[in-house]
């Protein structure tokens, strides 16, 4: 792949995806476990079709081990990155 065809992306860049039902279930289960460990926490509940916005590294941590060939996807397969942040990396 030539350099003109690549884009450098910082893992700290903000990104967003649309959650599937499975993705909402994954996040809700994770939040439920955190709330059981620390009852003072009151974390968000997610729904399918909702936009989920975090840093790219967090997205990978949240969903990476649920992604794979022939697996149900927790997110729609388009990840949106903040273009201003991508431009900063490219310049």
Protein backbone atom coordinates (compact mmCIF):
# COMPACT_ATOMS: atom_id res chain seq x y z
CA UNK A 1 0.00 0.00 0.00
CA UNK A 2 1.44 3.37 -0.98
CA UNK A 3 1.71 6.26 1.48
CA UNK A 4 -0.97 8.22 -0.43
CA UNK A 5 -3.48 5.46 0.35
CA UNK A 6 -2.95 5.42 4.11
CA UNK A 7 -4.30 7.55 6.93
CA UNK A 8 -2.71 7.78 10.36
CA UNK A 9 -5.22 7.75 13.20
CA UNK A 10 -4.39 8.43 16.82
CA UNK A 11 -6.02 5.96 19.21
CA UNK A 12 -6.95 8.93 21.41
CA UNK A 13 -9.13 10.42 18.64
CA UNK A 14 -12.81 10.66 19.42
CA UNK A 15 -15.00 8.38 17.35
CA UNK A 16 -18.60 7.33 17.21
CA UNK A 17 -20.61 4.33 16.04
CA UNK A 18 -24.23 3.29 16.02
CA UNK A 19 -24.95 0.45 18.44
CA UNK A 20 -26.72 -2.74 17.42
CA UNK A 21 -28.93 -4.53 19.96
CA UNK A 22 -25.98 -6.78 20.76
CA UNK A 23 -23.69 -3.78 21.31
CA UNK A 24 -26.19 -2.16 23.67
CA UNK A 25 -26.43 -5.42 25.61
CA UNK A 26 -22.63 -5.64 25.90
CA UNK A 27 -22.33 -2.10 27.27
CA UNK A 28 -25.31 -2.47 29.61
CA UNK A 29 -23.92 -5.72 31.05
CA UNK A 30 -20.51 -4.09 31.55
CA UNK A 31 -22.13 -1.11 33.32
CA UNK A 32 -24.21 -3.44 35.48
CA UNK A 33 -21.05 -5.24 36.66
CA UNK A 34 -19.36 -1.92 37.47
CA UNK A 35 -22.42 -0.76 39.44
CA UNK A 36 -22.40 -4.02 41.42
CA UNK A 37 -18.75 -3.38 42.35
CA UNK A 38 -19.45 0.25 43.20
CA UNK A 39 -23.13 0.84 44.08
CA UNK A 40 -22.68 4.63 44.11
CA UNK A 41 -22.22 4.56 40.32
CA UNK A 42 -25.29 5.23 38.18
CA UNK A 43 -24.14 4.54 34.62
CA UNK A 44 -25.92 5.03 31.31
CA UNK A 45 -28.21 2.46 29.76
CA UNK A 46 -27.82 2.02 26.02
CA UNK A 47 -30.29 1.12 23.29
CA UNK A 48 -29.93 -0.23 19.75
CA UNK A 49 -29.61 2.57 17.21
CA UNK A 50 -28.02 4.91 19.74
CA UNK A 51 -24.79 6.75 18.86
CA UNK A 52 -21.89 5.70 21.11
CA UNK A 53 -19.04 8.25 21.32
CA UNK A 54 -15.68 7.49 22.96
CA UNK A 55 -11.99 7.52 22.16
CA UNK A 56 -10.92 4.94 19.59
CA UNK A 57 -8.89 2.92 22.13
CA UNK A 58 -12.00 2.64 24.33
CA UNK A 59 -14.07 1.42 21.36
CA UNK A 60 -11.48 -1.28 20.71
CA UNK A 61 -11.48 -2.27 24.40
CA UNK A 62 -15.28 -2.37 24.59
CA UNK A 63 -15.96 -4.36 21.42
CA UNK A 64 -12.71 -5.85 20.10
CA UNK A 65 -13.10 -9.32 21.56
CA UNK A 66 -16.73 -9.50 20.36
CA UNK A 67 -15.79 -8.85 16.72
CA UNK A 68 -14.84 -11.59 14.30
CA UNK A 69 -15.72 -13.49 11.17
CA UNK A 70 -19.30 -14.72 11.21
CA UNK A 71 -19.95 -13.12 14.61
CA UNK A 72 -22.93 -10.89 15.34
CA UNK A 73 -21.58 -7.35 15.24
CA UNK A 74 -22.04 -5.13 18.29
CA UNK A 75 -21.82 -2.00 16.13
CA UNK A 76 -22.72 -0.87 12.66
CA UNK A 77 -19.57 -1.31 10.62
CA UNK A 78 -18.87 2.40 10.04
CA UNK A 79 -16.72 4.26 12.55
CA UNK A 80 -16.87 8.04 12.38
CA UNK A 81 -13.74 9.94 13.40
CA UNK A 82 -13.56 13.66 14.17
CA UNK A 83 -11.97 15.03 10.99
CA UNK A 84 -10.27 17.97 12.70
CA UNK A 85 -8.33 15.50 14.84
CA UNK A 86 -7.46 13.32 11.82
CA UNK A 87 -6.24 16.41 9.92
CA UNK A 88 -3.97 17.33 12.86
CA UNK A 89 -2.32 13.93 12.61
CA UNK A 90 -1.96 14.17 8.82
CA UNK A 91 -0.34 17.63 8.85
